[in-house]
Amino acid sequence: MIDIIIPIYNASNYLDRLLESIKKQTYKDYSIYLIDANSTEEYNLDKYDLNITYYKLNEQTCPGLTRQVGIDKSEHEYIMFMDQDDELITEDSLQTLINNIDECDIVACGEYFEKEKRKMINDISLHGKLFRRSFLESNNIRFNDFIYHEDLYFNNYCYLKNARVKIVNKVIYYYHDNPSSIVNQTDSIEIEKMEYIVKTISELKRLIPIKDNILGYRKFIYNNYDYFIRMFNILDEREKELLASYIKKYDKEDIPLMLSKSNIELREKINEMYK
């Protein structure tokens, strides 16, 4: 059985589309957990005729911790995450996931990103994936309280614990562009979101020593520092100083040594940021 965990907040404009896409699924063995981060709206959930468990929190909570409540309240072996403004694309989306879980810990299918008008399987995103609960519990993998990039933290926690991942080249999830979502409120928070990437690296290194998965860390850190370098050219001087300060504050180890020797230019640029 699949537990579908959905954090919601003032979601009245989206629930019809979301829940109808679940109701149309050919695979019916699922439970829906709506975790309400203290909405000011009321919801009539009976009209959907679905197996919905609803929890309302006493205060607004960041997305990761809201999802964690869903994990803690649910009980079945397979977990899927959705956002309130998204939907499943095909009627066999859940069936595709359950058919491919086999002996894996994570099954990852594709998403369609409305804003970018492209299809992809995103290592960072929580969407279009099925997670095995026993793997999460045995490795004590839980969401943290970060405002941004809680998905980066959660997924890479799984990867660094050597999750067995199966990739299925089929698009099953529609990621809608919601201008009012926390990640789309303003472009001015881009540098703040980058701080949370560095904090994520630092937190994971505290939980999982580098020596336990050198190759995993090399890939994880290379991907994110490569992103920093690409962003570096479009930052103003204040933002460049901020980014360098984040790296110095949260990531005191000699990260360039973890990168492949073939990444000479990237290593040099990161070394400049350490000065």
Protein backbone atom coordinates (compact mmCIF):
# COMPACT_ATOMS: atom_id res chain seq x y z
CA MET A 1 0.00 0.00 0.00
CA ILE A 2 1.16 3.53 -0.79
CA ASP A 3 0.85 6.40 1.69
CA ILE A 4 0.59 9.65 -0.28
CA ILE A 5 1.77 12.51 1.93
CA ILE A 6 0.70 16.03 0.96
CA PRO A 7 1.49 19.18 2.97
CA ILE A 8 -1.20 21.80 2.45
CA TYR A 9 -1.77 25.42 3.36
CA ASN A 10 -4.81 27.38 2.13
CA ALA A 11 -5.13 24.85 -0.67
CA SER A 12 -8.77 25.30 -1.70
CA ASN A 13 -7.87 26.42 -5.22
CA TYR A 14 -5.82 23.29 -5.88
CA LEU A 15 -7.35 20.32 -4.06
CA ASP A 16 -9.91 19.44 -6.76
CA ARG A 17 -7.24 19.05 -9.43
CA LEU A 18 -4.82 17.22 -7.14
CA LEU A 19 -7.26 14.77 -5.58
CA GLU A 20 -9.11 14.05 -8.82
CA SER A 21 -5.80 13.05 -10.42
CA ILE A 22 -5.30 10.56 -7.57
CA LYS A 23 -8.89 9.32 -7.75
CA LYS A 24 -8.43 8.44 -11.45
CA GLN A 25 -5.55 6.08 -10.70
CA THR A 26 -5.93 2.46 -11.77
CA TYR A 27 -3.97 1.42 -8.66
CA LYS A 28 -6.36 1.85 -5.72
CA ASP A 29 -4.38 0.56 -2.75
CA TYR A 30 -3.38 3.92 -1.26
CA SER A 31 -4.07 6.23 1.65
CA ILE A 32 -3.87 10.02 1.40
CA TYR A 33 -2.47 12.07 4.28
CA LEU A 34 -3.20 15.80 4.14
CA ILE A 35 -1.00 17.59 6.67
CA ASP A 36 -2.34 21.11 7.13
CA ALA A 37 0.23 23.72 8.22
CA ASN A 38 -2.45 25.72 10.07
CA SER A 39 -4.56 26.96 7.15
CA THR A 40 -7.05 29.75 7.62
CA GLU A 41 -9.40 27.90 5.26
CA GLU A 42 -11.76 25.01 5.99
CA TYR A 43 -12.00 22.00 3.69
CA ASN A 44 -14.90 19.72 2.78
CA LEU A 45 -12.98 16.51 2.19
CA ASP A 46 -16.01 14.19 2.29
CA LYS A 47 -17.01 15.24 -1.22
CA TYR A 48 -13.99 13.48 -2.72
CA ASP A 49 -14.95 9.99 -1.51
CA LEU A 50 -11.31 9.07 -0.97
CA ASN A 51 -9.35 7.44 1.84
CA ILE A 52 -8.08 10.73 3.33
CA THR A 53 -6.57 11.26 6.76
CA TYR A 54 -6.42 14.93 7.71
CA TYR A 55 -4.17 16.47 10.38
CA LYS A 56 -4.15 20.17 11.17
CA LEU A 57 -1.03 21.52 12.88
CA ASN A 58 -1.20 24.23 15.52
CA GLU A 59 1.21 26.52 13.70
CA GLN A 60 2.67 27.17 10.28
CA THR A 61 5.48 24.70 9.72
CA CYS A 62 8.18 24.47 7.06
CA PRO A 63 7.52 21.97 4.24
CA GLY A 64 10.02 19.36 5.43
CA LEU A 65 8.70 19.10 8.98
CA THR A 66 5.12 19.09 7.66
CA ARG A 67 5.98 16.08 5.49
CA GLN A 68 7.69 14.43 8.45
CA VAL A 69 4.44 14.58 10.39
CA GLY A 70 2.86 12.70 7.49
CA ILE A 71 5.57 10.04 7.62
CA ASP A 72 5.17 9.67 11.38
CA LYS A 73 1.36 9.47 11.20
CA SER A 74 1.24 7.01 8.30
CA GLU A 75 2.18 3.34 8.47
CA HIS A 76 2.46 1.50 5.15
CA GLU A 77 5.64 0.34 3.43
CA TYR A 78 5.67 2.75 0.49
CA ILE A 79 5.67 6.54 0.70
CA MET A 80 5.01 9.10 -2.02
CA PHE A 81 5.16 12.87 -1.69
CA MET A 82 3.02 15.38 -3.59
CA ASP A 83 2.52 19.14 -3.38
CA GLN A 84 -0.91 20.70 -3.09
CA ASP A 85 -0.75 22.48 -6.46
CA ASP A 86 0.48 19.52 -8.54
CA GLU A 87 -1.12 16.44 -10.09
CA LEU A 88 -0.45 12.97 -11.46
CA ILE A 89 -0.32 12.99 -15.27
CA THR A 90 -1.30 9.45 -16.21
CA GLU A 91 -3.90 7.14 -14.74
CA ASP A 92 -1.24 4.46 -14.22
CA SER A 93 1.23 6.73 -12.37
CA LEU A 94 0.91 4.84 -9.07
CA GLN A 95 0.86 1.48 -10.83
CA THR A 96 4.11 2.37 -12.63
CA LEU A 97 5.79 3.13 -9.32
CA ILE A 98 4.57 0.02 -7.53
CA ASN A 99 5.45 -2.21 -10.48
CA ASN A 100 9.07 -1.07 -10.35
CA ILE A 101 9.84 -1.00 -6.64
CA ASP A 102 11.10 -4.64 -6.69
CA GLU A 103 14.06 -4.82 -4.29
CA CYS A 104 14.81 -1.10 -4.59
CA ASP A 105 14.60 1.55 -1.91
CA ILE A 106 13.55 4.35 -4.28
CA VAL A 107 11.83 4.34 -7.67
CA ALA A 108 12.24 7.60 -9.60
CA CYS A 109 10.04 8.51 -12.56
CA GLY A 110 9.94 11.72 -14.57
CA GLU A 111 8.22 15.06 -13.99
CA TYR A 112 6.95 17.72 -16.33
CA PHE A 113 8.03 21.17 -15.11
CA GLU A 114 5.46 23.73 -16.21
CA LYS A 115 7.67 26.78 -15.69
CA GLU A 116 10.57 25.40 -17.72
CA LYS A 117 8.36 23.46 -20.16
CA ARG A 118 10.55 20.38 -19.97
CA LYS A 119 10.49 16.78 -18.80
CA MET A 120 13.17 15.34 -16.58
CA ILE A 121 14.01 12.93 -13.77
CA ASN A 122 15.32 15.17 -11.01
CA ASP A 123 17.67 13.70 -8.39
CA ILE A 124 16.80 16.50 -5.98
CA SER A 125 13.02 16.62 -6.31
CA LEU A 126 10.81 14.54 -4.04
CA HIS A 127 8.16 14.23 -6.74
CA GLY A 128 7.55 11.31 -9.08
CA LYS A 129 9.26 8.98 -6.61
CA LEU A 130 8.30 6.10 -4.36
CA PHE A 131 10.27 5.59 -1.13
CA ARG A 132 10.51 2.40 0.92
CA ARG A 133 9.63 3.19 4.54
CA SER A 134 11.80 0.45 6.03
CA PHE A 135 14.87 1.95 4.33
CA LEU A 136 14.10 5.41 5.76
CA GLU A 137 13.49 4.04 9.23
CA SER A 138 16.51 1.74 9.36
CA ASN A 139 18.77 4.65 8.40
CA ASN A 140 16.94 7.23 10.55
CA ILE A 141 16.34 9.45 7.50
CA ARG A 142 14.06 12.32 8.45
CA PHE A 143 13.31 15.79 7.16
CA ASN A 144 14.99 18.78 8.78
CA ASP A 145 13.63 22.25 9.56
CA PHE A 146 15.19 24.08 6.60
CA ILE A 147 12.98 26.62 4.84
CA TYR A 148 14.57 25.88 1.47
CA HIS A 149 16.09 22.78 -0.13
CA GLU A 150 14.62 20.28 2.31
CA ASP A 151 14.27 18.01 -0.73
CA LEU A 152 18.02 18.32 -1.47
CA TYR A 153 18.72 17.29 2.11
CA PHE A 154 16.28 14.37 2.18
CA ASN A 155 17.21 12.87 -1.18
CA ASN A 156 20.96 13.14 -0.66
CA TYR A 157 20.61 11.67 2.82
CA CYS A 158 19.11 8.64 1.04
CA TYR A 159 21.81 8.55 -1.65
CA LEU A 160 24.67 8.86 0.84
CA LYS A 161 23.16 5.93 2.74
CA ASN A 162 23.52 3.95 -0.50
CA ALA A 163 19.85 3.71 -1.36
CA ARG A 164 19.12 1.28 -4.19
CA VAL A 165 17.51 3.53 -6.82
CA LYS A 166 15.68 2.44 -9.96
CA ILE A 167 15.13 5.02 -12.72
CA VAL A 168 12.00 4.62 -14.86
CA ASN A 169 11.96 6.75 -18.00
CA LYS A 170 8.29 7.68 -17.84
CA VAL A 171 6.76 11.04 -16.94
CA ILE A 172 4.07 10.59 -14.28
CA TYR A 173 4.01 13.89 -12.36
CA TYR A 174 3.02 17.43 -13.36
CA TYR A 175 4.88 20.10 -11.39
CA HIS A 176 2.82 23.27 -11.70
CA ASP A 177 4.39 26.70 -11.41
CA ASN A 178 2.77 28.40 -8.43
CA PRO A 179 3.93 32.05 -8.16
CA SER A 180 2.85 32.19 -4.51
CA SER A 181 4.91 29.17 -3.42
CA ILE A 182 7.77 29.70 -1.01
CA VAL A 183 10.42 29.17 -3.69
CA ASN A 184 8.84 31.64 -6.13
CA GLN A 185 8.11 34.59 -3.89
CA THR A 186 10.98 36.77 -5.14
CA ASP A 187 14.25 36.48 -7.02
CA SER A 188 15.99 38.31 -4.18
CA ILE A 189 16.00 35.13 -2.07
CA GLU A 190 18.20 33.22 -4.52
CA ILE A 191 21.34 33.93 -2.50
CA GLU A 192 19.51 32.88 0.68
CA LYS A 193 18.53 29.60 -0.98
CA MET A 194 22.21 29.02 -1.82
CA GLU A 195 23.05 29.37 1.86
CA TYR A 196 20.72 26.47 2.56
CA ILE A 197 22.57 24.32 0.02
CA VAL A 198 25.82 24.90 1.92
CA LYS A 199 24.04 24.26 5.22
CA THR A 200 22.73 21.00 3.77
CA ILE A 201 26.23 19.86 2.84
CA SER A 202 27.47 20.73 6.32
CA GLU A 203 24.59 18.97 8.08
CA LEU A 204 24.94 15.78 6.05
CA LYS A 205 28.69 15.65 6.72
CA ARG A 206 27.87 15.84 10.43
CA LEU A 207 25.46 12.89 10.15
CA ILE A 208 27.40 10.80 7.63
CA PRO A 209 31.21 11.09 7.79
CA ILE A 210 32.87 11.69 4.42
CA LYS A 211 34.97 8.56 4.83
CA ASP A 212 31.77 6.48 4.85
CA ASN A 213 30.90 7.41 1.27
CA ILE A 214 33.66 9.33 -0.48
CA LEU A 215 32.32 8.72 -3.98
CA GLY A 216 28.80 9.78 -2.98
CA TYR A 217 30.06 12.99 -1.43
CA ARG A 218 32.25 13.72 -4.43
CA LYS A 219 29.22 13.62 -6.73
CA PHE A 220 26.97 15.50 -4.33
CA ILE A 221 29.41 18.31 -3.61
CA TYR A 222 30.63 18.60 -7.18
CA ASN A 223 27.06 19.03 -8.47
CA ASN A 224 26.27 21.76 -5.98
CA TYR A 225 29.55 23.66 -6.14
CA ASP A 226 29.28 23.56 -9.91
CA TYR A 227 25.93 25.28 -9.46
CA PHE A 228 27.57 27.90 -7.24
CA ILE A 229 30.24 28.60 -9.84
CA ARG A 230 27.63 29.03 -12.58
CA MET A 231 25.65 31.38 -10.34
CA PHE A 232 28.81 33.25 -9.27
CA ASN A 233 29.05 35.15 -12.56
CA ILE A 234 25.58 36.71 -12.21
CA LEU A 235 25.88 37.75 -8.57
CA ASP A 236 26.71 41.28 -7.55
CA GLU A 237 29.71 41.92 -5.30
CA ARG A 238 27.68 41.84 -2.10
CA GLU A 239 26.15 38.49 -3.08
CA LYS A 240 29.55 37.06 -4.01
CA GLU A 241 30.86 38.00 -0.59
CA LEU A 242 27.80 36.42 1.03
CA LEU A 243 28.23 33.16 -0.86
CA ALA A 244 31.90 32.96 0.04
CA SER A 245 31.02 33.64 3.69
CA TYR A 246 28.45 30.82 3.68
CA ILE A 247 31.03 28.35 2.41
CA LYS A 248 33.57 29.47 5.00
CA LYS A 249 30.97 29.34 7.77
CA TYR A 250 29.42 25.94 7.08
CA ASP A 251 32.02 24.08 5.06
CA LYS A 252 35.41 24.39 6.70
CA GLU A 253 36.91 21.25 5.19
CA ASP A 254 39.02 21.36 2.06
CA ILE A 255 36.23 20.64 -0.42
CA PRO A 256 38.40 21.12 -3.56
CA LEU A 257 40.41 18.04 -2.61
CA MET A 258 37.25 15.96 -2.92
CA LEU A 259 36.69 17.00 -6.51
CA SER A 260 38.08 15.04 -9.42
CA LYS A 261 41.53 16.17 -10.57
CA SER A 262 40.04 16.72 -14.02
CA ASN A 263 37.90 19.57 -12.69
CA ILE A 264 40.86 21.97 -12.59
CA GLU A 265 38.99 25.16 -13.46
CA LEU A 266 36.25 24.49 -10.95
CA ARG A 267 38.79 23.65 -8.24
CA GLU A 268 40.66 26.90 -8.90
CA LYS A 269 37.50 28.98 -8.69
CA ILE A 270 36.41 27.35 -5.46
CA ASN A 271 39.87 27.92 -4.02
CA GLU A 272 39.49 31.61 -4.89
CA MET A 273 36.24 31.67 -2.91
CA TYR A 274 38.06 30.29 0.14
CA LYS A 275 40.55 33.18 0.24
